[in-house]
Amino acid sequence: MTLVSRASAYPSPLWLLALITLNGTLAMHIFVPALPAVAHAFHTSAAAAQMTLSVYVVGLSLGQLTYGPISDHFGRRPVLMFGMALYSAASLAALFAPTIGLLVAARLLQALGGGSGLVLGRAIVRDSAAGETAARRLSLMNLMTMAGPGLAPMIGAAMVGTTGWRSIFALISLLGLAGLVLVWRLLPETSGERDSVANVFGNYARLLKSPAFVGYSIGGGCATTSFYAFIAAAPFILVDQLHRPPSEIGVYLAINILGIWLGSLTASRIIGRAPMSRLMVIGNLISCVSAAIFLGLAASGGLSAALAVAAMLALCFGAGIASPTALAQALSINPGIAGSASGLYGCVQMIVGAICTACAGIGSNPSLTVGVILLAAALVAQLCFWLASGGADRASAPA
């Protein structure tokens, strides 16, 4: 009996996969409110404190590139346990870091460990299921993990104000240790035949030669992490342009996360009733229309806080539908190297998010800039999805 069939007989708990996936991004979002306190504690600049976030994004990108092919060779479970152990140890190092430089280094290691959950949670779902079943499980897992980005900044702010910013790392370390124990006790191995060491990193080259995989990956990134542009510019749009108090920013962002949650819930309910490629395109079309409305309001001077939140809520709803379907399609291109595919897909998402975030600072009108970025990204995603679906159809067609 192969490992895959055993995993099918004893499926991995979806709540556990959601927990280990959440850990990777939780450490990024929960630490944002602590940046001013960190700068004050180390008598350093805001830019230096911001490095604790920048290196975290870099670490997640590098980690996702690395864990996929390594897990295709050594198996999901041991690689995931190593990543969770590194995540917990680095969190403890950050807790006691005496200088900003050592804190930045600890954050890099923390991200390298946390990236294991992002990659392998998705890969384990794909190991145990395929097609519509995999997309449905990915949608449900997405529902579980959406609470993190919405609640994490508020939790972080509360901890900074009561127990201090270092207590955040104590909490993260405990969550990492809990995840490690749960993986050890409850998670079966799900990978089947293992690649040789000589071939394992060549998987990326094979994936990058697939127009369908590249299309789904770039399209998925543009459909989802382009939202980072709004997150980066939200304080300037809501406070400086729309004259809302800073205390409302977290609430507005949480409402947008609710949109992704609702989109993922919708996708989980209708997958199987319509082709995934159609759901993917329709979901992103909703985002296109929402981005166009946001841009039109920003250009005409008619944007208000309520209209901005409503447009972004609709955009995130569309992204919640497009995201799991695009991911499932990408991981189905070559099921034998799902770990590599998951890692490369995640890295592309981070790259797209970083580009959109950097572009959000261009110009003197942040709402107009964000509107242009969101609409351009949604249109690129739509084009990529159409091209990828056509490439996948040609690849599966009989000779």
Protein backbone atom coordinates (compact mmCIF):
# COMPACT_ATOMS: atom_id res chain seq x y z
CA MET A 1 0.00 0.00 0.00
CA THR A 2 1.43 3.34 -0.97
CA LEU A 3 1.71 6.35 1.24
CA VAL A 4 -0.86 8.17 -0.85
CA SER A 5 -3.49 5.50 -0.37
CA ARG A 6 -2.86 5.47 3.38
CA ALA A 7 -3.31 9.23 3.45
CA SER A 8 -6.56 8.86 1.56
CA ALA A 9 -7.79 6.27 4.06
CA TYR A 10 -6.76 8.49 7.00
CA PRO A 11 -7.11 12.05 5.68
CA SER A 12 -5.10 14.80 7.35
CA PRO A 13 -7.24 16.92 9.71
CA LEU A 14 -8.14 20.07 7.80
CA TRP A 15 -8.15 22.18 10.96
CA LEU A 16 -4.56 21.14 11.62
CA LEU A 17 -3.49 22.02 8.09
CA ALA A 18 -5.20 25.40 8.55
CA LEU A 19 -3.33 25.94 11.83
CA ILE A 20 0.11 25.29 10.38
CA THR A 21 -0.72 27.41 7.33
CA LEU A 22 -1.93 30.25 9.54
CA ASN A 23 1.25 30.27 11.63
CA GLY A 24 3.35 31.49 8.70
CA THR A 25 1.35 34.66 8.05
CA LEU A 26 0.21 35.25 11.64
CA ALA A 27 3.71 36.27 12.70
CA MET A 28 3.73 38.93 9.97
CA HIS A 29 0.34 40.54 10.66
CA ILE A 30 0.40 40.41 14.46
CA PHE A 31 3.70 42.30 14.66
CA VAL A 32 2.65 45.36 12.59
CA PRO A 33 1.26 47.34 15.59
CA ALA A 34 4.52 46.74 17.49
CA LEU A 35 6.79 48.62 15.07
CA PRO A 36 6.70 52.02 16.88
CA ALA A 37 7.41 50.30 20.21
CA VAL A 38 10.31 48.36 18.69
CA ALA A 39 11.84 51.55 17.26
CA HIS A 40 11.53 53.22 20.66
CA ALA A 41 12.91 50.24 22.58
CA PHE A 42 16.05 50.00 20.44
CA HIS A 43 16.41 53.77 19.93
CA THR A 44 16.37 53.27 16.19
CA SER A 45 14.52 54.65 13.17
CA ALA A 46 11.15 53.60 11.87
CA ALA A 47 12.86 52.34 8.70
CA ALA A 48 15.07 50.02 10.78
CA ALA A 49 12.04 48.69 12.63
CA GLN A 50 10.28 48.19 9.29
CA MET A 51 13.09 45.80 8.31
CA THR A 52 11.56 43.26 10.69
CA LEU A 53 8.64 43.05 8.25
CA SER A 54 10.64 43.32 5.04
CA VAL A 55 12.93 40.42 5.89
CA TYR A 56 9.91 38.38 6.96
CA VAL A 57 8.44 38.65 3.46
CA VAL A 58 11.83 37.70 2.00
CA GLY A 59 12.05 34.72 4.35
CA LEU A 60 8.59 33.50 3.39
CA SER A 61 9.50 33.70 -0.30
CA LEU A 62 12.77 31.81 0.15
CA GLY A 63 11.17 29.26 2.44
CA GLN A 64 8.39 28.47 0.01
CA LEU A 65 10.89 27.96 -2.80
CA THR A 66 12.94 25.58 -0.67
CA TYR A 67 10.43 23.46 1.23
CA GLY A 68 8.47 22.30 -1.81
CA PRO A 69 11.19 20.35 -3.62
CA ILE A 70 12.80 19.18 -0.37
CA SER A 71 9.48 17.71 0.79
CA ASP A 72 9.03 16.02 -2.58
CA HIS A 73 12.23 14.11 -1.76
CA PHE A 74 12.18 13.62 2.02
CA GLY A 75 8.42 13.61 2.60
CA ARG A 76 5.97 16.19 3.96
CA ARG A 77 5.94 15.22 7.63
CA PRO A 78 9.67 15.39 8.57
CA VAL A 79 10.22 18.60 6.59
CA LEU A 80 7.17 20.20 8.17
CA MET A 81 8.33 19.22 11.66
CA PHE A 82 11.74 20.76 10.97
CA GLY A 83 10.11 23.98 9.78
CA MET A 84 7.84 24.21 12.82
CA ALA A 85 10.79 23.60 15.15
CA LEU A 86 12.79 26.36 13.43
CA TYR A 87 9.78 28.69 13.64
CA SER A 88 9.42 28.12 17.39
CA ALA A 89 13.15 28.43 18.14
CA ALA A 90 13.46 31.63 16.09
CA SER A 91 10.45 33.08 17.92
CA LEU A 92 12.21 32.46 21.22
CA ALA A 93 15.36 34.10 19.85
CA ALA A 94 13.29 37.14 18.84
CA LEU A 95 11.75 37.25 22.31
CA PHE A 96 15.18 37.76 23.89
CA ALA A 97 16.91 39.66 21.05
CA PRO A 98 19.09 42.40 22.64
CA THR A 99 19.58 44.49 19.47
CA ILE A 100 17.56 45.44 16.41
CA GLY A 101 20.05 43.59 14.20
CA LEU A 102 19.57 40.32 16.05
CA LEU A 103 15.80 40.84 16.03
CA VAL A 104 15.87 41.24 12.25
CA ALA A 105 17.98 38.07 11.93
CA ALA A 106 15.58 36.15 14.20
CA ARG A 107 12.64 37.34 12.11
CA LEU A 108 14.31 36.04 8.96
CA LEU A 109 14.75 32.60 10.55
CA GLN A 110 11.21 32.74 11.88
CA ALA A 111 9.88 33.34 8.37
CA LEU A 112 12.03 30.56 6.93
CA GLY A 113 10.44 28.19 9.44
CA GLY A 114 6.91 29.55 9.05
CA GLY A 115 7.05 29.17 5.28
CA SER A 116 6.93 25.39 5.73
CA GLY A 117 3.31 25.51 6.80
CA LEU A 118 2.28 27.72 3.88
CA VAL A 119 3.78 25.32 1.34
CA LEU A 120 3.14 21.95 2.89
CA GLY A 121 -0.39 22.61 4.13
CA ARG A 122 -1.47 23.12 0.52
CA ALA A 123 0.67 20.26 -0.77
CA ILE A 124 -0.79 17.81 1.77
CA VAL A 125 -4.31 18.74 0.65
CA ARG A 126 -3.30 18.05 -2.94
CA ASP A 127 -1.63 14.75 -1.97
CA SER A 128 -4.86 13.48 -0.45
CA ALA A 129 -7.36 14.79 -3.00
CA ALA A 130 -7.59 15.93 -6.60
CA GLY A 131 -9.69 18.14 -8.84
CA GLU A 132 -12.89 19.48 -7.33
CA THR A 133 -12.32 17.72 -4.01
CA ALA A 134 -8.92 19.40 -3.62
CA ALA A 135 -10.36 22.79 -4.54
CA ARG A 136 -13.19 22.35 -2.02
CA ARG A 137 -10.76 21.41 0.77
CA LEU A 138 -8.50 24.34 -0.14
CA SER A 139 -11.51 26.65 0.03
CA LEU A 140 -12.47 25.32 3.47
CA MET A 141 -8.88 25.66 4.67
CA ASN A 142 -8.85 29.21 3.35
CA LEU A 143 -11.96 29.93 5.40
CA MET A 144 -10.21 28.77 8.55
CA THR A 145 -7.04 30.78 7.94
CA MET A 146 -8.77 34.05 7.02
CA ALA A 147 -9.40 34.87 10.67
CA GLY A 148 -5.67 35.37 11.19
CA PRO A 149 -4.99 38.44 9.00
CA GLY A 150 -8.24 40.04 10.19
CA LEU A 151 -7.74 39.59 13.93
CA ALA A 152 -3.93 39.51 14.23
CA PRO A 153 -3.31 43.31 14.13
CA MET A 154 -5.94 43.90 16.82
CA ILE A 155 -4.47 41.13 18.99
CA GLY A 156 -0.97 42.52 18.47
CA ALA A 157 -2.07 46.03 19.42
CA ALA A 158 -3.73 44.74 22.59
CA MET A 159 -0.60 42.81 23.57
CA VAL A 160 1.69 45.78 22.93
CA GLY A 161 -0.50 47.95 25.16
CA THR A 162 -0.75 45.44 28.01
CA THR A 163 2.11 42.92 28.14
CA GLY A 164 4.62 44.61 25.81
CA TRP A 165 5.78 43.85 22.27
CA ARG A 166 8.08 40.99 23.29
CA SER A 167 5.10 39.01 24.56
CA ILE A 168 4.00 38.64 20.93
CA PHE A 169 6.95 36.34 20.31
CA ALA A 170 6.14 34.30 23.40
CA LEU A 171 2.66 33.68 22.00
CA ILE A 172 4.01 32.84 18.53
CA SER A 173 6.53 30.41 19.99
CA LEU A 174 3.84 28.61 21.98
CA LEU A 175 1.65 28.33 18.88
CA GLY A 176 4.60 26.95 16.94
CA LEU A 177 5.33 24.35 19.59
CA ALA A 178 1.67 23.36 19.73
CA GLY A 179 1.68 22.95 15.95
CA LEU A 180 4.83 20.83 16.11
CA VAL A 181 3.33 18.47 18.70
CA LEU A 182 0.07 18.19 16.77
CA VAL A 183 1.89 17.42 13.51
CA TRP A 184 3.93 14.74 15.27
CA ARG A 185 0.86 13.14 16.83
CA LEU A 186 -1.85 13.54 14.20
CA LEU A 187 -0.44 14.13 10.73
CA PRO A 188 0.26 11.12 8.48
CA GLU A 189 2.82 11.13 5.69
CA THR A 190 1.05 11.87 2.40
CA SER A 191 3.72 12.02 -0.30
CA GLY A 192 4.09 9.00 -2.56
CA GLU A 193 7.10 8.21 -4.71
CA ARG A 194 10.09 10.40 -3.85
CA ASP A 195 12.19 12.32 -6.35
CA SER A 196 15.93 11.80 -6.41
CA VAL A 197 18.15 14.58 -5.09
CA ALA A 198 19.45 15.15 -8.63
CA ASN A 199 15.94 15.83 -9.92
CA VAL A 200 14.24 17.55 -7.03
CA PHE A 201 15.25 21.15 -7.84
CA GLY A 202 14.76 20.51 -11.54
CA ASN A 203 11.04 20.40 -10.79
CA TYR A 204 10.95 24.19 -10.83
CA ALA A 205 12.37 24.28 -14.33
CA ARG A 206 9.68 21.86 -15.50
CA LEU A 207 6.95 23.91 -13.87
CA LEU A 208 8.24 27.18 -15.33
CA LYS A 209 8.14 25.61 -18.79
CA SER A 210 4.41 24.98 -18.37
CA PRO A 211 2.39 27.93 -19.70
CA ALA A 212 -0.62 26.72 -17.73
CA PHE A 213 1.24 26.66 -14.41
CA VAL A 214 2.83 30.07 -15.02
CA GLY A 215 -0.56 31.50 -15.99
CA TYR A 216 -2.35 30.13 -12.93
CA SER A 217 0.47 31.29 -10.63
CA ILE A 218 0.77 34.84 -11.94
CA GLY A 219 -3.00 35.10 -12.27
CA GLY A 220 -3.51 33.79 -8.74
CA GLY A 221 -0.99 36.28 -7.35
CA CYS A 222 -2.56 39.21 -9.20
CA ALA A 223 -6.03 38.14 -8.08
CA THR A 224 -5.12 37.87 -4.39
CA THR A 225 -1.95 39.52 -3.05
CA SER A 226 -2.47 42.69 -5.11
CA PHE A 227 -4.73 43.53 -2.14
CA TYR A 228 -1.50 44.27 -0.22
CA ALA A 229 -1.39 47.59 -2.08
CA PHE A 230 -4.57 48.68 -0.33
CA ILE A 231 -3.32 47.45 3.04
CA ALA A 232 -0.13 49.49 2.66
CA ALA A 233 -1.98 52.64 1.59
CA ALA A 234 -5.03 52.29 3.87
CA PRO A 235 -3.76 54.67 6.61
CA PHE A 236 -3.09 57.39 4.04
CA ILE A 237 -6.39 56.88 2.19
CA LEU A 238 -8.64 56.60 5.23
CA VAL A 239 -6.93 59.08 7.57
CA ASP A 240 -5.33 61.69 5.30
CA GLN A 241 -7.77 61.67 2.37
CA LEU A 242 -11.05 60.56 3.92
CA HIS A 243 -10.42 62.02 7.40
CA ARG A 244 -11.31 58.96 9.43
CA PRO A 245 -9.72 58.34 12.86
CA PRO A 246 -6.74 55.93 12.94
CA SER A 247 -8.61 53.66 15.35
CA GLU A 248 -11.00 52.66 12.55
CA ILE A 249 -8.33 51.33 10.20
CA GLY A 250 -8.19 47.87 11.79
CA VAL A 251 -11.96 47.53 11.57
CA TYR A 252 -12.03 48.47 7.89
CA LEU A 253 -9.29 45.99 7.08
CA ALA A 254 -11.10 43.28 9.04
CA ILE A 255 -14.24 43.92 6.95
CA ASN A 256 -12.19 43.39 3.79
CA ILE A 257 -10.86 40.09 5.15
CA LEU A 258 -14.51 39.15 5.70
CA GLY A 259 -14.96 39.54 1.95
CA ILE A 260 -12.28 36.94 1.27
CA TRP A 261 -13.89 34.66 3.84
CA LEU A 262 -17.29 34.97 2.20
CA GLY A 263 -15.76 34.35 -1.23
CA SER A 264 -14.01 31.22 -0.02
CA LEU A 265 -17.23 30.02 1.61
CA THR A 266 -19.10 30.57 -1.65
CA ALA A 267 -16.42 28.70 -3.60
CA SER A 268 -16.56 25.75 -1.23
CA ARG A 269 -20.33 25.51 -1.75
CA ILE A 270 -20.46 25.78 -5.56
CA ILE A 271 -17.34 23.85 -6.56
CA GLY A 272 -18.60 20.74 -8.31
CA ARG A 273 -21.63 22.49 -9.75
CA ALA A 274 -19.61 24.47 -12.30
CA PRO A 275 -16.18 24.02 -13.92
CA MET A 276 -13.37 25.38 -11.77
CA SER A 277 -11.95 27.40 -14.65
CA ARG A 278 -15.29 29.19 -14.99
CA LEU A 279 -15.49 29.91 -11.25
CA MET A 280 -11.95 31.25 -11.32
CA VAL A 281 -12.70 33.65 -14.17
CA ILE A 282 -16.07 34.75 -12.74
CA GLY A 283 -14.56 35.39 -9.30
CA ASN A 284 -11.82 37.53 -10.76
CA LEU A 285 -14.32 39.34 -12.99
CA ILE A 286 -16.08 40.49 -9.81
CA SER A 287 -12.72 41.87 -8.65
CA CYS A 288 -12.22 43.63 -12.00
CA VAL A 289 -15.56 45.42 -11.75
CA SER A 290 -14.95 46.34 -8.10
CA ALA A 291 -11.49 47.72 -8.87
CA ALA A 292 -12.90 49.76 -11.75
CA ILE A 293 -15.56 51.25 -9.44
CA PHE A 294 -12.92 52.08 -6.82
CA LEU A 295 -10.73 53.74 -9.45
CA GLY A 296 -13.67 55.70 -10.88
CA LEU A 297 -14.63 57.01 -7.45
CA ALA A 298 -11.03 57.95 -6.67
CA ALA A 299 -10.57 59.74 -10.00
CA SER A 300 -13.85 61.67 -9.69
CA GLY A 301 -13.33 62.70 -6.09
CA GLY A 302 -16.44 60.81 -4.98
CA LEU A 303 -14.68 58.27 -2.76
CA SER A 304 -15.85 57.97 0.83
CA ALA A 305 -14.87 55.57 3.59
CA ALA A 306 -18.10 53.60 3.16
CA LEU A 307 -17.75 53.37 -0.62
CA ALA A 308 -14.06 52.44 -0.37
CA VAL A 309 -14.80 49.64 2.07
CA ALA A 310 -17.76 48.42 0.00
CA ALA A 311 -15.71 48.31 -3.21
CA MET A 312 -12.85 46.51 -1.46
CA LEU A 313 -15.29 44.09 0.19
CA ALA A 314 -16.60 43.11 -3.25
CA LEU A 315 -13.07 42.86 -4.66
CA CYS A 316 -12.01 40.58 -1.82
CA PHE A 317 -15.14 38.47 -2.28
CA GLY A 318 -14.12 37.84 -5.89
CA ALA A 319 -10.58 37.06 -4.80
CA GLY A 320 -11.90 34.55 -2.28
CA ILE A 321 -13.56 32.65 -5.14
CA ALA A 322 -10.62 32.90 -7.56
CA SER A 323 -7.86 32.05 -5.09
CA PRO A 324 -8.61 28.39 -4.18
CA THR A 325 -9.65 27.48 -7.71
CA ALA A 326 -6.48 28.97 -9.23
CA LEU A 327 -4.34 27.20 -6.63
CA ALA A 328 -6.05 23.85 -7.21
CA GLN A 329 -5.60 24.22 -10.96
CA ALA A 330 -1.90 25.06 -10.55
CA LEU A 331 -1.23 22.10 -8.25
CA SER A 332 -3.01 19.78 -10.70
CA ILE A 333 -0.62 20.54 -13.57
CA ASN A 334 1.86 17.95 -12.31
CA PRO A 335 0.47 16.15 -9.23
CA GLY A 336 3.71 14.20 -8.74
CA ILE A 337 5.56 17.36 -7.68
CA ALA A 338 2.79 19.10 -5.76
CA GLY A 339 5.24 20.29 -3.09
CA SER A 340 7.39 22.11 -5.63
CA ALA A 341 4.29 23.52 -7.31
CA SER A 342 2.93 24.79 -4.00
CA GLY A 343 6.24 26.41 -3.10
CA LEU A 344 6.67 28.12 -6.46
CA TYR A 345 3.05 29.25 -6.49
CA GLY A 346 3.44 30.79 -3.02
CA CYS A 347 6.67 32.52 -4.00
CA VAL A 348 5.02 34.08 -7.05
CA GLN A 349 2.21 35.33 -4.82
CA MET A 350 4.73 37.01 -2.50
CA ILE A 351 6.55 38.61 -5.42
CA VAL A 352 3.31 40.02 -6.82
CA GLY A 353 2.31 41.28 -3.38
CA ALA A 354 5.70 42.94 -2.87
CA ILE A 355 5.54 44.66 -6.26
CA CYS A 356 2.03 45.95 -5.66
CA THR A 357 2.95 47.16 -2.17
CA ALA A 358 6.00 49.01 -3.49
CA CYS A 359 3.95 50.63 -6.27
CA ALA A 360 1.35 51.85 -3.75
CA GLY A 361 3.74 54.63 -2.70
CA ILE A 362 3.93 56.16 -6.17
CA GLY A 363 2.30 59.56 -6.71
CA SER A 364 0.61 62.05 -4.43
CA ASN A 365 -2.92 60.55 -4.54
CA PRO A 366 -2.82 57.17 -2.78
CA SER A 367 -6.42 56.21 -3.54
CA LEU A 368 -5.93 56.87 -7.26
CA THR A 369 -2.66 54.91 -7.26
CA VAL A 370 -4.25 51.96 -5.46
CA GLY A 371 -7.20 51.98 -7.87
CA VAL A 372 -4.86 51.81 -10.87
CA ILE A 373 -2.84 48.98 -9.28
CA LEU A 374 -5.90 46.91 -8.36
CA LEU A 375 -7.54 47.27 -11.76
CA ALA A 376 -4.31 46.54 -13.64
CA ALA A 377 -3.65 43.45 -11.48
CA ALA A 378 -7.21 42.18 -11.93
CA LEU A 379 -6.99 42.57 -15.70
CA VAL A 380 -3.62 40.80 -15.80
CA ALA A 381 -5.11 37.99 -13.69
CA GLN A 382 -8.05 37.65 -16.06
CA LEU A 383 -5.74 37.42 -19.08
CA CYS A 384 -3.51 34.88 -17.33
CA PHE A 385 -6.48 32.70 -16.35
CA TRP A 386 -7.81 32.64 -19.90
CA LEU A 387 -4.39 31.78 -21.31
CA ALA A 388 -3.70 29.16 -18.63
CA SER A 389 -7.06 27.44 -19.12
CA GLY A 390 -6.37 27.24 -22.85
CA GLY A 391 -2.87 25.88 -22.26
CA ALA A 392 -4.18 23.26 -19.84
CA ASP A 393 -6.82 22.17 -22.35
CA ARG A 394 -4.19 21.80 -25.08
CA ALA A 395 -1.89 19.84 -22.75
CA SER A 396 -4.66 17.38 -21.86
CA ALA A 397 -5.95 16.98 -25.40
CA PRO A 398 -5.12 13.66 -27.10
CA ALA A 399 -2.37 13.77 -29.70
